[in-house]
C-alpha atoms as a PDB file:
ATOM      1  CA  UNK A   1      22.849  14.366 -16.032  1.00  0.00           C
ATOM      2  CA  UNK A   2      23.483  10.914 -14.607  1.00  0.00           C
ATOM      3  CA  UNK A   3      20.615   9.874 -12.187  1.00  0.00           C
ATOM      4  CA  UNK A   4      22.563   7.053 -10.768  1.00  0.00           C
ATOM      5  CA  UNK A   5      26.211   6.571 -10.137  1.00  0.00           C
ATOM      6  CA  UNK A   6      25.961   2.855  -9.467  1.00  0.00           C
ATOM      7  CA  UNK A   7      25.065  -0.049 -11.571  1.00  0.00           C
ATOM      8  CA  UNK A   8      23.231  -1.469  -8.609  1.00  0.00           C
ATOM      9  CA  UNK A   9      20.136   0.840  -9.380  1.00  0.00           C
ATOM     10  CA  UNK A  10      19.153   1.608 -12.724  1.00  0.00           C
ATOM     11  CA  UNK A  11      17.057   4.683 -13.635  1.00  0.00           C
ATOM     12  CA  UNK A  12      15.097   5.457 -16.778  1.00  0.00           C
ATOM     13  CA  UNK A  13      12.918   8.073 -17.579  1.00  0.00           C
ATOM     14  CA  UNK A  14       9.658   7.697 -19.728  1.00  0.00           C
ATOM     15  CA  UNK A  15       7.492  10.873 -20.190  1.00  0.00           C
ATOM     16  CA  UNK A  16       6.704  12.124 -16.612  1.00  0.00           C
ATOM     17  CA  UNK A  17       7.484   8.837 -14.910  1.00  0.00           C
ATOM     18  CA  UNK A  18      10.719   7.772 -13.563  1.00  0.00           C
ATOM     19  CA  UNK A  19      11.591   3.920 -13.371  1.00  0.00           C
ATOM     20  CA  UNK A  20      13.993   2.749 -10.678  1.00  0.00           C
ATOM     21  CA  UNK A  21      15.249  -0.848 -10.842  1.00  0.00           C
ATOM     22  CA  UNK A  22      16.879  -2.627  -8.108  1.00  0.00           C
ATOM     23  CA  UNK A  23      19.886  -4.383  -9.942  1.00  0.00           C
ATOM     24  CA  UNK A  24      21.947  -6.535  -7.645  1.00  0.00           C
ATOM     25  CA  UNK A  25      21.544 -10.016  -8.681  1.00  0.00           C
ATOM     26  CA  UNK A  26      20.706 -12.854  -7.701  1.00  0.00           C
ATOM     27  CA  UNK A  27      18.241 -11.340  -4.928  1.00  0.00           C
ATOM     28  CA  UNK A  28      18.404  -7.540  -5.549  1.00  0.00           C
ATOM     29  CA  UNK A  29      20.149  -7.224  -2.085  1.00  0.00           C
ATOM     30  CA  UNK A  30      20.825  -3.692  -0.941  1.00  0.00           C
ATOM     31  CA  UNK A  31      24.484  -2.336  -0.195  1.00  0.00           C
ATOM     32  CA  UNK A  32      25.687   0.687   1.633  1.00  0.00           C
ATOM     33  CA  UNK A  33      26.417   2.115  -2.026  1.00  0.00           C
ATOM     34  CA  UNK A  34      23.017   1.611  -3.395  1.00  0.00           C
ATOM     35  CA  UNK A  35      21.257   2.627  -0.245  1.00  0.00           C
ATOM     36  CA  UNK A  36      23.086   6.082  -0.318  1.00  0.00           C
ATOM     37  CA  UNK A  37      22.205   6.488  -3.764  1.00  0.00           C
ATOM     38  CA  UNK A  38      18.473   6.487  -3.425  1.00  0.00           C
ATOM     39  CA  UNK A  39      18.314   9.881  -1.674  1.00  0.00           C
ATOM     40  CA  UNK A  40      20.641  11.383  -4.217  1.00  0.00           C
ATOM     41  CA  UNK A  41      18.477  10.155  -7.039  1.00  0.00           C
ATOM     42  CA  UNK A  42      15.249  11.289  -5.521  1.00  0.00           C
ATOM     43  CA  UNK A  43      17.023  14.807  -4.962  1.00  0.00           C
ATOM     44  CA  UNK A  44      17.767  14.716  -8.766  1.00  0.00           C
ATOM     45  CA  UNK A  45      14.373  13.797  -9.462  1.00  0.00           C
ATOM     46  CA  UNK A  46      12.856  16.412  -7.356  1.00  0.00           C
ATOM     47  CA  UNK A  47      14.834  19.270  -9.267  1.00  0.00           C
ATOM     48  CA  UNK A  48      13.064  17.775 -12.581  1.00  0.00           C
ATOM     49  CA  UNK A  49       9.923  19.624 -12.461  1.00  0.00           C
ATOM     50  CA  UNK A  50       8.770  17.098 -15.422  1.00  0.00           C
ATOM     51  CA  UNK A  51       8.766  13.947 -13.301  1.00  0.00           C
ATOM     52  CA  UNK A  52       5.469  13.375 -11.463  1.00  0.00           C
ATOM     53  CA  UNK A  53       5.732   9.699 -10.598  1.00  0.00           C
ATOM     54  CA  UNK A  54       8.269   7.016  -9.728  1.00  0.00           C
ATOM     55  CA  UNK A  55       8.103   3.101 -10.243  1.00  0.00           C
ATOM     56  CA  UNK A  56      10.385   0.890  -8.318  1.00  0.00           C
ATOM     57  CA  UNK A  57      10.892  -2.829  -9.206  1.00  0.00           C
ATOM     58  CA  UNK A  58      13.675  -5.553  -9.152  1.00  0.00           C
ATOM     59  CA  UNK A  59      15.607  -6.784 -12.093  1.00  0.00           C
ATOM     60  CA  UNK A  60      14.730 -10.390 -13.250  1.00  0.00           C
ATOM     61  CA  UNK A  61      11.829 -12.429 -12.495  1.00  0.00           C
ATOM     62  CA  UNK A  62      12.382 -14.045  -9.072  1.00  0.00           C
ATOM     63  CA  UNK A  63      13.181 -11.179  -6.718  1.00  0.00           C
ATOM     64  CA  UNK A  64      12.033  -7.654  -6.046  1.00  0.00           C
ATOM     65  CA  UNK A  65      14.570  -7.520  -3.153  1.00  0.00           C
ATOM     66  CA  UNK A  66      15.642  -9.679  -0.335  1.00  0.00           C
ATOM     67  CA  UNK A  67      16.693  -6.749   1.677  1.00  0.00           C
ATOM     68  CA  UNK A  68      20.114  -6.692   3.109  1.00  0.00           C
ATOM     69  CA  UNK A  69      22.750  -9.219   2.508  1.00  0.00           C
ATOM     70  CA  UNK A  70      23.228 -11.184   5.928  1.00  0.00           C
ATOM     71  CA  UNK A  71      26.743 -11.598   5.546  1.00  0.00           C
ATOM     72  CA  UNK A  72      27.177  -8.070   6.485  1.00  0.00           C
ATOM     73  CA  UNK A  73      26.080  -8.775   9.976  1.00  0.00           C
ATOM     74  CA  UNK A  74      27.516 -12.100  10.502  1.00  0.00           C
ATOM     75  CA  UNK A  75      30.580 -10.983  12.522  1.00  0.00           C
ATOM     76  CA  UNK A  76      28.315  -9.011  15.067  1.00  0.00           C
ATOM     77  CA  UNK A  77      29.958  -5.741  14.525  1.00  0.00           C
ATOM     78  CA  UNK A  78      27.950  -3.148  16.105  1.00  0.00           C
ATOM     79  CA  UNK A  79      29.256  -0.135  14.443  1.00  0.00           C
ATOM     80  CA  UNK A  80      28.600  -1.634  11.094  1.00  0.00           C
ATOM     81  CA  UNK A  81      25.017  -2.565  12.285  1.00  0.00           C
ATOM     82  CA  UNK A  82      24.596   1.130  13.201  1.00  0.00           C
ATOM     83  CA  UNK A  83      25.712   2.517   9.959  1.00  0.00           C
ATOM     84  CA  UNK A  84      23.736   0.060   7.838  1.00  0.00           C
ATOM     85  CA  UNK A  85      20.390   0.961   9.889  1.00  0.00           C
ATOM     86  CA  UNK A  86      21.028   4.590   9.393  1.00  0.00           C
ATOM     87  CA  UNK A  87      21.616   4.344   5.676  1.00  0.00           C
ATOM     88  CA  UNK A  88      18.581   2.120   5.383  1.00  0.00           C
ATOM     89  CA  UNK A  89      16.408   4.560   7.242  1.00  0.00           C
ATOM     90  CA  UNK A  90      17.576   7.393   5.200  1.00  0.00           C
ATOM     91  CA  UNK A  91      16.975   5.841   1.943  1.00  0.00           C
ATOM     92  CA  UNK A  92      13.423   4.715   2.642  1.00  0.00           C
ATOM     93  CA  UNK A  93      12.486   7.881   4.597  1.00  0.00           C
ATOM     94  CA  UNK A  94      13.538   9.785   1.508  1.00  0.00           C
ATOM     95  CA  UNK A  95      11.404   7.416  -0.679  1.00  0.00           C
ATOM     96  CA  UNK A  96       8.557   7.950   1.509  1.00  0.00           C
ATOM     97  CA  UNK A  97       8.645  11.688   1.712  1.00  0.00           C
ATOM     98  CA  UNK A  98       9.228  12.122  -2.165  1.00  0.00           C
ATOM     99  CA  UNK A  99       6.851  14.774  -3.607  1.00  0.00           C
ATOM    100  CA  UNK A 100       5.572  12.659  -6.367  1.00  0.00           C
ATOM    101  CA  UNK A 101       3.451   9.169  -6.304  1.00  0.00           C
ATOM    102  CA  UNK A 102       5.858   6.264  -5.776  1.00  0.00           C
ATOM    103  CA  UNK A 103       4.543   2.771  -6.960  1.00  0.00           C
ATOM    104  CA  UNK A 104       6.257  -0.493  -5.971  1.00  0.00           C
ATOM    105  CA  UNK A 105       6.174  -3.194  -8.773  1.00  0.00           C
ATOM    106  CA  UNK A 106       6.715  -6.217  -6.660  1.00  0.00           C
ATOM    107  CA  UNK A 107       7.977  -8.799  -9.327  1.00  0.00           C
ATOM    108  CA  UNK A 108       9.055 -11.442  -6.771  1.00  0.00           C
ATOM    109  CA  UNK A 109      10.039 -12.061  -3.398  1.00  0.00           C
ATOM    110  CA  UNK A 110      10.109  -8.911  -1.045  1.00  0.00           C
ATOM    111  CA  UNK A 111      11.849  -9.797   1.872  1.00  0.00           C
ATOM    112  CA  UNK A 112      13.081  -7.844   4.913  1.00  0.00           C
ATOM    113  CA  UNK A 113      14.358  -4.482   3.617  1.00  0.00           C
ATOM    114  CA  UNK A 114      12.995  -5.214   0.424  1.00  0.00           C
ATOM    115  CA  UNK A 115       9.603  -5.159   1.736  1.00  0.00           C
ATOM    116  CA  UNK A 116      10.513  -2.155   3.801  1.00  0.00           C
ATOM    117  CA  UNK A 117      11.277  -0.651   0.303  1.00  0.00           C
ATOM    118  CA  UNK A 118       7.776  -1.428  -1.031  1.00  0.00           C
ATOM    119  CA  UNK A 119       6.156  -0.130   2.302  1.00  0.00           C
ATOM    120  CA  UNK A 120       7.884   3.477   1.764  1.00  0.00           C
ATOM    121  CA  UNK A 121       6.075   3.815  -1.553  1.00  0.00           C
ATOM    122  CA  UNK A 122       2.589   5.056  -1.961  1.00  0.00           C
ATOM    123  CA  UNK A 123       1.105   2.111  -3.835  1.00  0.00           C
ATOM    124  CA  UNK A 124       1.934  -1.421  -4.100  1.00  0.00           C
ATOM    125  CA  UNK A 125       1.337  -3.724  -6.908  1.00  0.00           C
ATOM    126  CA  UNK A 126       2.287  -7.511  -6.794  1.00  0.00           C
ATOM    127  CA  UNK A 127       2.461 -10.283  -8.910  1.00  0.00           C
ATOM    128  CA  UNK A 128       0.575 -13.442  -8.122  1.00  0.00           C
ATOM    129  CA  UNK A 129       3.562 -15.706  -7.365  1.00  0.00           C
ATOM    130  CA  UNK A 130       5.215 -13.112  -5.117  1.00  0.00           C
ATOM    131  CA  UNK A 131       5.817 -13.583  -1.435  1.00  0.00           C
ATOM    132  CA  UNK A 132       6.094 -10.911   1.148  1.00  0.00           C
ATOM    133  CA  UNK A 133       7.803 -11.218   4.629  1.00  0.00           C
ATOM    134  CA  UNK A 134       9.814  -9.506   7.425  1.00  0.00           C
ATOM    135  CA  UNK A 135      11.670 -12.310   8.879  1.00  0.00           C
ATOM    136  CA  UNK A 136      14.259 -10.350  10.660  1.00  0.00           C
ATOM    137  CA  UNK A 137      13.441 -11.837  14.087  1.00  0.00           C
ATOM    138  CA  UNK A 138      14.197 -15.212  12.504  1.00  0.00           C
ATOM    139  CA  UNK A 139      17.866 -14.407  12.452  1.00  0.00           C
ATOM    140  CA  UNK A 140      17.980 -12.452  15.757  1.00  0.00           C
ATOM    141  CA  UNK A 141      17.507  -8.959  14.012  1.00  0.00           C
ATOM    142  CA  UNK A 142      14.531  -6.670  13.718  1.00  0.00           C
ATOM    143  CA  UNK A 143      13.169  -4.579  10.745  1.00  0.00           C
ATOM    144  CA  UNK A 144      15.034  -1.324  11.220  1.00  0.00           C
ATOM    145  CA  UNK A 145      13.936   0.730   8.038  1.00  0.00           C
ATOM    146  CA  UNK A 146      10.428   1.454   8.722  1.00  0.00           C
ATOM    147  CA  UNK A 147       9.097  -2.009   8.738  1.00  0.00           C
ATOM    148  CA  UNK A 148       7.449  -2.187  12.347  1.00  0.00           C
ATOM    149  CA  UNK A 149       5.891   1.250  11.691  1.00  0.00           C
ATOM    150  CA  UNK A 150       4.759   1.245   8.073  1.00  0.00           C
ATOM    151  CA  UNK A 151       3.406  -2.227   8.208  1.00  0.00           C
ATOM    152  CA  UNK A 152       1.439  -1.753  11.160  1.00  0.00           C
ATOM    153  CA  UNK A 153      -0.133   1.305   9.826  1.00  0.00           C
ATOM    154  CA  UNK A 154      -0.964  -0.513   6.808  1.00  0.00           C
ATOM    155  CA  UNK A 155      -2.485  -3.892   8.009  1.00  0.00           C
ATOM    156  CA  UNK A 156      -3.007  -3.146  11.708  1.00  0.00           C
ATOM    157  CA  UNK A 157      -1.450  -4.487  14.830  1.00  0.00           C
ATOM    158  CA  UNK A 158      -2.681  -8.188  14.444  1.00  0.00           C
ATOM    159  CA  UNK A 159      -1.253  -8.980  11.095  1.00  0.00           C
ATOM    160  CA  UNK A 160       1.832  -6.934  11.741  1.00  0.00           C
ATOM    161  CA  UNK A 161       2.649  -9.144  14.732  1.00  0.00           C
ATOM    162  CA  UNK A 162       1.953 -12.280  12.899  1.00  0.00           C
ATOM    163  CA  UNK A 163       4.488 -11.247  10.139  1.00  0.00           C
ATOM    164  CA  UNK A 164       7.095  -9.902  12.446  1.00  0.00           C
ATOM    165  CA  UNK A 165       6.723 -11.774  15.475  1.00  0.00           C
ATOM    166  CA  UNK A 166       5.631 -15.090  13.986  1.00  0.00           C
ATOM    167  CA  UNK A 167       7.728 -14.728  10.733  1.00  0.00           C
ATOM    168  CA  UNK A 168       4.612 -15.322   8.741  1.00  0.00           C
ATOM    169  CA  UNK A 169       4.978 -15.075   4.792  1.00  0.00           C
ATOM    170  CA  UNK A 170       2.365 -13.681   2.994  1.00  0.00           C
ATOM    171  CA  UNK A 171       1.308 -14.539  -0.542  1.00  0.00           C
ATOM    172  CA  UNK A 172      -0.227 -12.073  -2.861  1.00  0.00           C
ATOM    173  CA  UNK A 173      -3.815 -12.953  -2.543  1.00  0.00           C
ATOM    174  CA  UNK A 174      -3.469 -12.745   1.235  1.00  0.00           C
ATOM    175  CA  UNK A 175      -1.647  -9.385   0.885  1.00  0.00           C
ATOM    176  CA  UNK A 176      -4.376  -7.918  -0.920  1.00  0.00           C
ATOM    177  CA  UNK A 177      -6.849  -8.983   1.513  1.00  0.00           C
ATOM    178  CA  UNK A 178      -5.028  -7.472   4.666  1.00  0.00           C
ATOM    179  CA  UNK A 179      -4.372  -4.199   2.739  1.00  0.00           C
ATOM    180  CA  UNK A 180      -0.717  -4.695   2.465  1.00  0.00           C
ATOM    181  CA  UNK A 181      -0.935  -4.121  -1.451  1.00  0.00           C
ATOM    182  CA  UNK A 182      -3.614  -2.618  -3.707  1.00  0.00           C
ATOM    183  CA  UNK A 183      -3.452  -4.757  -6.814  1.00  0.00           C
ATOM    184  CA  UNK A 184      -2.557  -8.136  -7.578  1.00  0.00           C
ATOM    185  CA  UNK A 185      -1.545  -9.212 -11.211  1.00  0.00           C
ATOM    186  CA  UNK A 186      -0.310 -12.059 -13.215  1.00  0.00           C
ATOM    187  CA  UNK A 187       3.212 -12.949 -13.270  1.00  0.00           C
ATOM    188  CA  UNK A 188       5.168 -10.641 -15.468  1.00  0.00           C
ATOM    189  CA  UNK A 189       2.815  -7.877 -15.296  1.00  0.00           C
ATOM    190  CA  UNK A 190       3.588  -5.731 -12.239  1.00  0.00           C
ATOM    191  CA  UNK A 191       5.713  -3.355 -14.058  1.00  0.00           C
ATOM    192  CA  UNK A 192       3.355  -2.501 -16.831  1.00  0.00           C
ATOM    193  CA  UNK A 193       0.580  -2.098 -14.539  1.00  0.00           C
ATOM    194  CA  UNK A 194       2.633   0.079 -12.301  1.00  0.00           C
ATOM    195  CA  UNK A 195       3.823   2.121 -15.422  1.00  0.00           C
ATOM    196  CA  UNK A 196       0.231   2.408 -16.432  1.00  0.00           C
ATOM    197  CA  UNK A 197      -0.947   3.856 -13.175  1.00  0.00           C
ATOM    198  CA  UNK A 198       2.095   6.074 -12.767  1.00  0.00           C
ATOM    199  CA  UNK A 199       1.201   7.714 -16.262  1.00  0.00           C
ATOM    200  CA  UNK A 200      -2.210   8.498 -14.930  1.00  0.00           C
ATOM    201  CA  UNK A 201      -0.704  10.568 -12.320  1.00  0.00           C
ATOM    202  CA  UNK A 202       0.398  12.879 -15.415  1.00  0.00           C
ATOM    203  CA  UNK A 203      -3.255  13.870 -15.716  1.00  0.00           C
ATOM    204  CA  UNK A 204      -3.407  15.298 -12.110  1.00  0.00           C
ATOM    205  CA  UNK A 205      -1.837  18.627 -11.201  1.00  0.00           C
ATOM    206  CA  UNK A 206       1.485  17.605  -9.675  1.00  0.00           C
ATOM    207  CA  UNK A 207       1.015  20.735  -7.388  1.00  0.00           C
ATOM    208  CA  UNK A 208      -2.152  19.313  -6.045  1.00  0.00           C
ATOM    209  CA  UNK A 209      -0.744  15.822  -5.598  1.00  0.00           C
ATOM    210  CA  UNK A 210       2.287  16.954  -3.472  1.00  0.00           C
ATOM    211  CA  UNK A 211      -0.352  18.835  -1.134  1.00  0.00           C
ATOM    212  CA  UNK A 212      -2.672  15.744  -1.008  1.00  0.00           C
ATOM    213  CA  UNK A 213       0.175  13.445  -0.235  1.00  0.00           C
ATOM    214  CA  UNK A 214       1.322  15.495   2.584  1.00  0.00           C
ATOM    215  CA  UNK A 215      -1.960  15.467   4.084  1.00  0.00           C
ATOM    216  CA  UNK A 216      -2.766  11.965   3.769  1.00  0.00           C
ATOM    217  CA  UNK A 217       0.573  11.052   5.335  1.00  0.00           C
ATOM    218  CA  UNK A 218       0.199  13.798   8.055  1.00  0.00           C
ATOM    219  CA  UNK A 219      -2.723  11.443   9.336  1.00  0.00           C
ATOM    220  CA  UNK A 220      -0.186   8.914  10.409  1.00  0.00           C
ATOM    221  CA  UNK A 221       1.161  10.972  13.307  1.00  0.00           C
ATOM    222  CA  UNK A 222      -1.246  13.634  13.967  1.00  0.00           C
ATOM    223  CA  UNK A 223      -4.797  13.906  15.285  1.00  0.00           C
ATOM    224  CA  UNK A 224      -7.881  14.075  12.635  1.00  0.00           C
ATOM    225  CA  UNK A 225      -8.872  17.459  14.162  1.00  0.00           C
ATOM    226  CA  UNK A 226      -5.208  18.789  13.547  1.00  0.00           C
ATOM    227  CA  UNK A 227      -5.426  17.724   9.824  1.00  0.00           C
ATOM    228  CA  UNK A 228      -8.406  19.840   9.182  1.00  0.00           C
ATOM    229  CA  UNK A 229      -7.185  23.214   9.420  1.00  0.00           C
ATOM    230  CA  UNK A 230      -4.207  21.918   7.731  1.00  0.00           C
ATOM    231  CA  UNK A 231      -6.237  20.824   4.650  1.00  0.00           C
ATOM    232  CA  UNK A 232      -7.873  24.236   4.356  1.00  0.00           C
ATOM    233  CA  UNK A 233      -4.455  26.035   4.563  1.00  0.00           C
ATOM    234  CA  UNK A 234      -2.952  23.838   1.675  1.00  0.00           C
ATOM    235  CA  UNK A 235      -6.251  24.417  -0.300  1.00  0.00           C
ATOM    236  CA  UNK A 236      -5.815  28.186  -0.074  1.00  0.00           C
ATOM    237  CA  UNK A 237      -1.912  27.894  -0.768  1.00  0.00           C
ATOM    238  CA  UNK A 238      -2.578  26.134  -4.060  1.00  0.00           C
ATOM    239  CA  UNK A 239      -3.879  29.559  -5.565  1.00  0.00           C
ATOM    240  CA  UNK A 240      -0.369  30.612  -5.457  1.00  0.00           C
ATOM    241  CA  UNK A 241       0.540  28.131  -8.091  1.00  0.00           C
ATOM    242  CA  UNK A 242       0.214  28.388 -11.795  1.00  0.00           C
ATOM    243  CA  UNK A 243      -1.172  24.852 -11.773  1.00  0.00           C
ATOM    244  CA  UNK A 244      -4.337  26.010  -9.963  1.00  0.00           C
ATOM    245  CA  UNK A 245      -5.182  28.567 -12.744  1.00  0.00           C
ATOM    246  CA  UNK A 246      -4.352  26.185 -15.421  1.00  0.00           C
ATOM    247  CA  UNK A 247      -6.343  23.359 -14.076  1.00  0.00           C
ATOM    248  CA  UNK A 248      -9.594  25.339 -13.396  1.00  0.00           C
ATOM    249  CA  UNK A 249      -9.306  27.347 -16.804  1.00  0.00           C
ATOM    250  CA  UNK A 250      -8.586  24.116 -18.678  1.00  0.00           C
ATOM    251  CA  UNK A 251     -11.833  22.655 -17.240  1.00  0.00           C
ATOM    252  CA  UNK A 252     -13.942  25.648 -18.239  1.00  0.00           C
ATOM    253  CA  UNK A 253     -12.378  25.932 -21.622  1.00  0.00           C
ATOM    254  CA  UNK A 254     -12.983  22.012 -22.208  1.00  0.00           C
ATOM    255  CA  UNK A 255      -9.341  21.169 -22.820  1.00  0.00           C
ATOM    256  CA  UNK A 256      -6.585  19.311 -21.381  1.00  0.00           C
ATOM    257  CA  UNK A 257      -4.606  21.079 -18.867  1.00  0.00           C
ATOM    258  CA  UNK A 258      -0.887  21.829 -19.354  1.00  0.00           C
ATOM    259  CA  UNK A 259       0.839  21.460 -15.937  1.00  0.00           C
ATOM    260  CA  UNK A 260       3.905  23.406 -14.872  1.00  0.00           C
ATOM    261  CA  UNK A 261       4.464  21.810 -11.403  1.00  0.00           C
ATOM    262  CA  UNK A 262       4.725  25.251  -9.894  1.00  0.00           C
END
């Protein structure tokens, strides 16, 4: 089964981890084709119960992704703008909702839709030379693929306004301080660090991870009090899975569990 039908996105499988590489040089910009491919790839990964984690990175040493190619919007075609906004949104919402753990290995500039892609991931690891920005307002546009919502959720209103309204670029060390990324690493090491973390996911019950991720993201849009009964409900539902029985018994028998993701 081919996981990607475009050479602009490369997919490789390593154990329980899928690696998705944005591959559209020189800046790894997104196209309609590559954006439509992302939900299709994620659907295939969902069907593979052996895949627990996903790492997203950019080809080359300079760019994670610069987002959309602005030539698409130069003629002011409103219909094209609507189409691209929809495919950007569908791609990154699918990434955010994916059942496993997604990690962005930010190996260079992450600008506009490139940063929005990283924001849709669960965890972000950035190389020390990288810069991150949502500069859409500088060219008369706005972040339309979750940028205004996801950035604000992560860093708070003040820093979201600095980055979006003032066009401020954030370097790696500052991104770590404000909570935009979870780890800064030396140049050339983001991918290996992300893969190392992704492989740790394999030690967790994938059924538990899916339930926990749902609960954590539920807190974005629902009151604290509403999440508490859901937490208890999903805890009980885990007892319908093979992984729950395997996990507890493996612990009691002092052996490593063999997860089934079901």
